[in-house]
Every structure is written in C-alpha cells, then in structure tokens.
Amino acid sequence: MKERDIHSYASHLFEMMGDKAEVYAAQQLAAFDKSLDTDSSRSMRRDWRRIREAIMIMKMTHSRFTHH
C-alpha cells in the first residue's frame, strides 16, 4: 500500500472505531503473522503494521488536542 492509502485507511478506521481501531489493526496483524510466509502475507503484515502505527499516532494527536 502507498503511504497515502495507509493514512487514509487508518483514518477511516479511527473515525469509525475510535480507540478500538488500534486493537482491530493489531488483530489483523496477528492473523497475518500466523499465516503462511508468502510474499502476499509479508506485504499484508507490513501494511497492517503501518496502519496500526498510523492509528497510534492519530490517537496520540487526538488525545493531545482533546484533553488539554
């Protein structure tokens, strides 16, 4: 996935699921960690890792602006 797609997908998940979005991304990552080691699964693991990281940043930013 391209960086803008990662950010867009992470943003959509965060808007729809709030804090649960990070858990969802972690679950998806874990599912691909358990899958066969193929090019496709490695790519999906990388994408879900990046999506989760983007959600974590969004949570920190959102928290910073809503709790001060």
PDB file of N, CA and C in Angstrom:
ATOM      1  N   MET A   1       0.840  -1.178   0.000  1.00  0.00           N
ATOM      2  CA  MET A   1       0.000   0.000   0.000  1.00  0.00           C
ATOM      3  C   MET A   1       0.883   1.238   0.000  1.00  0.00           C
ATOM      4  N   LYS A   2       0.433   2.244  -0.703  1.00  0.00           N
ATOM      5  CA  LYS A   2       1.158   3.503  -0.697  1.00  0.00           C
ATOM      6  C   LYS A   2       0.867   4.251   0.598  1.00  0.00           C
ATOM      7  N   GLU A   3       1.766   5.153   0.958  1.00  0.00           N
ATOM      8  CA  GLU A   3       1.657   5.869   2.226  1.00  0.00           C
ATOM      9  C   GLU A   3       0.312   6.589   2.355  1.00  0.00           C
ATOM     10  N   ARG A   4      -0.133   7.234   1.300  1.00  0.00           N
ATOM     11  CA  ARG A   4      -1.415   7.956   1.391  1.00  0.00           C
ATOM     12  C   ARG A   4      -2.575   6.996   1.612  1.00  0.00           C
ATOM     13  N   ASP A   5      -2.471   5.782   1.044  1.00  0.00           N
ATOM     14  CA  ASP A   5      -3.519   4.779   1.249  1.00  0.00           C
ATOM     15  C   ASP A   5      -3.510   4.265   2.684  1.00  0.00           C
ATOM     16  N   ILE A   6      -2.316   4.073   3.218  1.00  0.00           N
ATOM     17  CA  ILE A   6      -2.179   3.656   4.620  1.00  0.00           C
ATOM     18  C   ILE A   6      -2.851   4.682   5.518  1.00  0.00           C
ATOM     19  N   HIS A   7      -2.508   5.952   5.327  1.00  0.00           N
ATOM     20  CA  HIS A   7      -3.059   7.015   6.160  1.00  0.00           C
ATOM     21  C   HIS A   7      -4.575   7.111   5.994  1.00  0.00           C
ATOM     22  N   SER A   8      -5.049   7.018   4.775  1.00  0.00           N
ATOM     23  CA  SER A   8      -6.478   7.110   4.511  1.00  0.00           C
ATOM     24  C   SER A   8      -7.237   5.965   5.185  1.00  0.00           C
ATOM     25  N   TYR A   9      -6.721   4.759   5.062  1.00  0.00           N
ATOM     26  CA  TYR A   9      -7.373   3.606   5.670  1.00  0.00           C
ATOM     27  C   TYR A   9      -7.337   3.696   7.194  1.00  0.00           C
ATOM     28  N   ALA A  10      -6.192   4.077   7.737  1.00  0.00           N
ATOM     29  CA  ALA A  10      -6.061   4.223   9.190  1.00  0.00           C
ATOM     30  C   ALA A  10      -7.020   5.299   9.698  1.00  0.00           C
ATOM     31  N   SER A  11      -7.109   6.396   8.976  1.00  0.00           N
ATOM     32  CA  SER A  11      -8.004   7.485   9.366  1.00  0.00           C
ATOM     33  C   SER A  11      -9.455   7.028   9.359  1.00  0.00           C
ATOM     34  N   HIS A  12      -9.820   6.303   8.331  1.00  0.00           N
ATOM     35  CA  HIS A  12     -11.185   5.782   8.236  1.00  0.00           C
ATOM     36  C   HIS A  12     -11.491   4.846   9.409  1.00  0.00           C
ATOM     37  N   LEU A  13     -10.578   3.924   9.687  1.00  0.00           N
ATOM     38  CA  LEU A  13     -10.779   3.013  10.822  1.00  0.00           C
ATOM     39  C   LEU A  13     -10.913   3.785  12.132  1.00  0.00           C
ATOM     40  N   PHE A  14     -10.048   4.781  12.331  1.00  0.00           N
ATOM     41  CA  PHE A  14     -10.073   5.545  13.575  1.00  0.00           C
ATOM     42  C   PHE A  14     -11.380   6.329  13.707  1.00  0.00           C
ATOM     43  N   GLU A  15     -11.856   6.903  12.606  1.00  0.00           N
ATOM     44  CA  GLU A  15     -13.124   7.641  12.640  1.00  0.00           C
ATOM     45  C   GLU A  15     -14.296   6.712  12.953  1.00  0.00           C
ATOM     46  N   MET A  16     -14.272   5.516  12.396  1.00  0.00           N
ATOM     47  CA  MET A  16     -15.379   4.578  12.569  1.00  0.00           C
ATOM     48  C   MET A  16     -15.336   3.828  13.907  1.00  0.00           C
ATOM     49  N   MET A  17     -14.122   3.523  14.381  1.00  0.00           N
ATOM     50  CA  MET A  17     -13.991   2.639  15.536  1.00  0.00           C
ATOM     51  C   MET A  17     -13.391   3.297  16.769  1.00  0.00           C
ATOM     52  N   GLY A  18     -12.846   4.477  16.626  1.00  0.00           N
ATOM     53  CA  GLY A  18     -12.200   5.132  17.760  1.00  0.00           C
ATOM     54  C   GLY A  18     -11.011   4.325  18.247  1.00  0.00           C
ATOM     55  N   ASP A  19     -10.873   4.220  19.565  1.00  0.00           N
ATOM     56  CA  ASP A  19      -9.736   3.511  20.153  1.00  0.00           C
ATOM     57  C   ASP A  19      -9.683   2.037  19.768  1.00  0.00           C
ATOM     58  N   LYS A  20     -10.835   1.465  19.416  1.00  0.00           N
ATOM     59  CA  LYS A  20     -10.877   0.051  19.038  1.00  0.00           C
ATOM     60  C   LYS A  20     -10.170  -0.204  17.709  1.00  0.00           C
ATOM     61  N   ALA A  21      -9.917   0.844  16.951  1.00  0.00           N
ATOM     62  CA  ALA A  21      -9.253   0.690  15.652  1.00  0.00           C
ATOM     63  C   ALA A  21      -7.853   0.112  15.817  1.00  0.00           C
ATOM     64  N   GLU A  22      -7.153   0.529  16.848  1.00  0.00           N
ATOM     65  CA  GLU A  22      -5.802   0.004  17.075  1.00  0.00           C
ATOM     66  C   GLU A  22      -5.854  -1.488  17.393  1.00  0.00           C
ATOM     67  N   VAL A  23      -6.819  -1.880  18.192  1.00  0.00           N
ATOM     68  CA  VAL A  23      -6.985  -3.300  18.531  1.00  0.00           C
ATOM     69  C   VAL A  23      -7.298  -4.100  17.268  1.00  0.00           C
ATOM     70  N   TYR A  24      -8.178  -3.570  16.436  1.00  0.00           N
ATOM     71  CA  TYR A  24      -8.533  -4.239  15.186  1.00  0.00           C
ATOM     72  C   TYR A  24      -7.302  -4.414  14.295  1.00  0.00           C
ATOM     73  N   ALA A  25      -6.530  -3.361  14.156  1.00  0.00           N
ATOM     74  CA  ALA A  25      -5.318  -3.437  13.332  1.00  0.00           C
ATOM     75  C   ALA A  25      -4.342  -4.462  13.912  1.00  0.00           C
ATOM     76  N   ALA A  26      -4.217  -4.499  15.225  1.00  0.00           N
ATOM     77  CA  ALA A  26      -3.331  -5.468  15.874  1.00  0.00           C
ATOM     78  C   ALA A  26      -3.824  -6.898  15.627  1.00  0.00           C
ATOM     79  N   GLN A  27      -5.138  -7.091  15.653  1.00  0.00           N
ATOM     80  CA  GLN A  27      -5.696  -8.417  15.388  1.00  0.00           C
ATOM     81  C   GLN A  27      -5.421  -8.849  13.945  1.00  0.00           C
ATOM     82  N   GLN A  28      -5.564  -7.909  13.019  1.00  0.00           N
ATOM     83  CA  GLN A  28      -5.288  -8.222  11.620  1.00  0.00           C
ATOM     84  C   GLN A  28      -3.810  -8.572  11.434  1.00  0.00           C
ATOM     85  N   LEU A  29      -2.954  -7.816  12.069  1.00  0.00           N
ATOM     86  CA  LEU A  29      -1.522  -8.087  12.006  1.00  0.00           C
ATOM     87  C   LEU A  29      -1.222  -9.475  12.567  1.00  0.00           C
ATOM     88  N   ALA A  30      -1.811  -9.799  13.697  1.00  0.00           N
ATOM     89  CA  ALA A  30      -1.587 -11.111  14.318  1.00  0.00           C
ATOM     90  C   ALA A  30      -2.067 -12.238  13.407  1.00  0.00           C
ATOM     91  N   ALA A  31      -3.187 -12.031  12.743  1.00  0.00           N
ATOM     92  CA  ALA A  31      -3.705 -13.062  11.837  1.00  0.00           C
ATOM     93  C   ALA A  31      -2.729 -13.316  10.696  1.00  0.00           C
ATOM     94  N   PHE A  32      -2.135 -12.260  10.158  1.00  0.00           N
ATOM     95  CA  PHE A  32      -1.172 -12.447   9.077  1.00  0.00           C
ATOM     96  C   PHE A  32       0.161 -12.965   9.597  1.00  0.00           C
ATOM     97  N   ASP A  33       0.472 -12.700  10.866  1.00  0.00           N
ATOM     98  CA  ASP A  33       1.688 -13.274  11.458  1.00  0.00           C
ATOM     99  C   ASP A  33       1.580 -14.797  11.527  1.00  0.00           C
ATOM    100  N   LYS A  34       0.357 -15.297  11.675  1.00  0.00           N
ATOM    101  CA  LYS A  34       0.132 -16.737  11.791  1.00  0.00           C
ATOM    102  C   LYS A  34      -0.025 -17.406  10.433  1.00  0.00           C
ATOM    103  N   SER A  35      -0.152 -16.610   9.386  1.00  0.00           N
ATOM    104  CA  SER A  35      -0.385 -17.181   8.060  1.00  0.00           C
ATOM    105  C   SER A  35       0.922 -17.680   7.446  1.00  0.00           C
ATOM    106  N   LEU A  36       0.782 -18.355   6.342  1.00  0.00           N
ATOM    107  CA  LEU A  36       1.963 -18.856   5.635  1.00  0.00           C
ATOM    108  C   LEU A  36       2.871 -17.700   5.248  1.00  0.00           C
ATOM    109  N   ASP A  37       4.141 -17.966   5.197  1.00  0.00           N
ATOM    110  CA  ASP A  37       5.117 -16.938   4.857  1.00  0.00           C
ATOM    111  C   ASP A  37       5.249 -16.828   3.338  1.00  0.00           C
ATOM    112  N   THR A  38       4.364 -16.017   2.758  1.00  0.00           N
ATOM    113  CA  THR A  38       4.388 -15.782   1.314  1.00  0.00           C
ATOM    114  C   THR A  38       4.637 -14.296   1.071  1.00  0.00           C
ATOM    115  N   ASP A  39       4.909 -13.945  -0.167  1.00  0.00           N
ATOM    116  CA  ASP A  39       5.083 -12.523  -0.489  1.00  0.00           C
ATOM    117  C   ASP A  39       3.843 -11.727  -0.113  1.00  0.00           C
ATOM    118  N   SER A  40       2.680 -12.298  -0.392  1.00  0.00           N
ATOM    119  CA  SER A  40       1.422 -11.617  -0.098  1.00  0.00           C
ATOM    120  C   SER A  40       1.236 -11.407   1.404  1.00  0.00           C
ATOM    121  N   SER A  41       1.506 -12.442   2.199  1.00  0.00           N
ATOM    122  CA  SER A  41       1.318 -12.300   3.646  1.00  0.00           C
ATOM    123  C   SER A  41       2.351 -11.342   4.239  1.00  0.00           C
ATOM    124  N   ARG A  42       3.572 -11.348   3.712  1.00  0.00           N
ATOM    125  CA  ARG A  42       4.574 -10.386   4.193  1.00  0.00           C
ATOM    126  C   ARG A  42       4.144  -8.954   3.876  1.00  0.00           C
ATOM    127  N   SER A  43       3.585  -8.767   2.706  1.00  0.00           N
ATOM    128  CA  SER A  43       3.098  -7.448   2.314  1.00  0.00           C
ATOM    129  C   SER A  43       1.944  -7.002   3.208  1.00  0.00           C
ATOM    130  N   MET A  44       1.017  -7.920   3.496  1.00  0.00           N
ATOM    131  CA  MET A  44      -0.122  -7.585   4.365  1.00  0.00           C
ATOM    132  C   MET A  44       0.348  -7.294   5.789  1.00  0.00           C
ATOM    133  N   ARG A  45       1.315  -8.061   6.281  1.00  0.00           N
ATOM    134  CA  ARG A  45       1.857  -7.775   7.618  1.00  0.00           C
ATOM    135  C   ARG A  45       2.466  -6.387   7.660  1.00  0.00           C
ATOM    136  N   ARG A  46       3.225  -6.041   6.638  1.00  0.00           N
ATOM    137  CA  ARG A  46       3.843  -4.713   6.572  1.00  0.00           C
ATOM    138  C   ARG A  46       2.767  -3.624   6.530  1.00  0.00           C
ATOM    139  N   ASP A  47       1.731  -3.833   5.731  1.00  0.00           N
ATOM    140  CA  ASP A  47       0.657  -2.845   5.636  1.00  0.00           C
ATOM    141  C   ASP A  47      -0.067  -2.677   6.971  1.00  0.00           C
ATOM    142  N   TRP A  48      -0.432  -3.801   7.595  1.00  0.00           N
ATOM    143  CA  TRP A  48      -1.154  -3.699   8.864  1.00  0.00           C
ATOM    144  C   TRP A  48      -0.278  -3.107   9.967  1.00  0.00           C
ATOM    145  N   ARG A  49       1.005  -3.367   9.946  1.00  0.00           N
ATOM    146  CA  ARG A  49       1.918  -2.751  10.920  1.00  0.00           C
ATOM    147  C   ARG A  49       1.916  -1.229  10.737  1.00  0.00           C
ATOM    148  N   ARG A  50       1.975  -0.792   9.485  1.00  0.00           N
ATOM    149  CA  ARG A  50       1.980   0.641   9.190  1.00  0.00           C
ATOM    150  C   ARG A  50       0.632   1.278   9.513  1.00  0.00           C
ATOM    151  N   ILE A  51      -0.459   0.564   9.257  1.00  0.00           N
ATOM    152  CA  ILE A  51      -1.794   1.078   9.600  1.00  0.00           C
ATOM    153  C   ILE A  51      -1.902   1.241  11.108  1.00  0.00           C
ATOM    154  N   ARG A  52      -1.450   0.230  11.846  1.00  0.00           N
ATOM    155  CA  ARG A  52      -1.505   0.312  13.313  1.00  0.00           C
ATOM    156  C   ARG A  52      -0.667   1.486  13.824  1.00  0.00           C
ATOM    157  N   GLU A  53       0.513   1.664  13.273  1.00  0.00           N
ATOM    158  CA  GLU A  53       1.366   2.784  13.690  1.00  0.00           C
ATOM    159  C   GLU A  53       0.688   4.118  13.399  1.00  0.00           C
ATOM    160  N   ALA A  54       0.035   4.237  12.248  1.00  0.00           N
ATOM    161  CA  ALA A  54      -0.662   5.477  11.903  1.00  0.00           C
ATOM    162  C   ALA A  54      -1.815   5.735  12.875  1.00  0.00           C
ATOM    163  N   ILE A  55      -2.535   4.688  13.241  1.00  0.00           N
ATOM    164  CA  ILE A  55      -3.634   4.834  14.207  1.00  0.00           C
ATOM    165  C   ILE A  55      -3.085   5.268  15.563  1.00  0.00           C
ATOM    166  N   MET A  56      -1.966   4.695  15.971  1.00  0.00           N
ATOM    167  CA  MET A  56      -1.369   5.078  17.258  1.00  0.00           C
ATOM    168  C   MET A  56      -1.011   6.566  17.262  1.00  0.00           C
ATOM    169  N   ILE A  57      -0.477   7.056  16.164  1.00  0.00           N
ATOM    170  CA  ILE A  57      -0.148   8.479  16.064  1.00  0.00           C
ATOM    171  C   ILE A  57      -1.421   9.314  16.122  1.00  0.00           C
ATOM    172  N   MET A  58      -2.462   8.875  15.425  1.00  0.00           N
ATOM    173  CA  MET A  58      -3.740   9.598  15.455  1.00  0.00           C
ATOM    174  C   MET A  58      -4.310   9.643  16.865  1.00  0.00           C
ATOM    175  N   LYS A  59      -4.197   8.529  17.591  1.00  0.00           N
ATOM    176  CA  LYS A  59      -4.692   8.501  18.973  1.00  0.00           C
ATOM    177  C   LYS A  59      -3.939   9.495  19.838  1.00  0.00           C
ATOM    178  N   MET A  60      -2.616   9.541  19.691  1.00  0.00           N
ATOM    179  CA  MET A  60      -1.814  10.476  20.490  1.00  0.00           C
ATOM    180  C   MET A  60      -2.175  11.918  20.153  1.00  0.00           C
ATOM    181  N   THR A  61      -2.309  12.200  18.874  1.00  0.00           N
ATOM    182  CA  THR A  61      -2.654  13.553  18.438  1.00  0.00           C
ATOM    183  C   THR A  61      -4.044  13.932  18.919  1.00  0.00           C
ATOM    184  N   HIS A  62      -4.991  13.025  18.764  1.00  0.00           N
ATOM    185  CA  HIS A  62      -6.371  13.268  19.199  1.00  0.00           C
ATOM    186  C   HIS A  62      -6.423  13.496  20.696  1.00  0.00           C
ATOM    187  N   SER A  63      -5.702  12.685  21.437  1.00  0.00           N
ATOM    188  CA  SER A  63      -5.662  12.815  22.899  1.00  0.00           C
ATOM    189  C   SER A  63      -5.058  14.144  23.322  1.00  0.00           C
ATOM    190  N   ARG A  64      -4.010  14.547  22.643  1.00  0.00           N
ATOM    191  CA  ARG A  64      -3.333  15.792  22.969  1.00  0.00           C
ATOM    192  C   ARG A  64      -4.256  16.996  22.804  1.00  0.00           C
ATOM    193  N   PHE A  65      -5.091  16.961  21.761  1.00  0.00           N
ATOM    194  CA  PHE A  65      -5.953  18.097  21.472  1.00  0.00           C
ATOM    195  C   PHE A  65      -7.297  18.066  22.187  1.00  0.00           C
ATOM    196  N   THR A  66      -7.683  16.923  22.729  1.00  0.00           N
ATOM    197  CA  THR A  66      -8.979  16.839  23.393  1.00  0.00           C
ATOM    198  C   THR A  66      -8.872  16.849  24.914  1.00  0.00           C
ATOM    199  N   HIS A  67      -7.686  16.646  25.463  1.00  0.00           N
ATOM    200  CA  HIS A  67      -7.562  16.560  26.919  1.00  0.00           C
ATOM    201  C   HIS A  67      -6.833  17.743  27.530  1.00  0.00           C
ATOM    202  N   HIS A  68      -6.591  18.781  26.743  1.00  0.00           N
ATOM    203  CA  HIS A  68      -5.924  19.965  27.303  1.00  0.00           C
ATOM    204  C   HIS A  68      -6.761  21.187  27.211  1.00  0.00           C
TER     205      HIS A  68
END
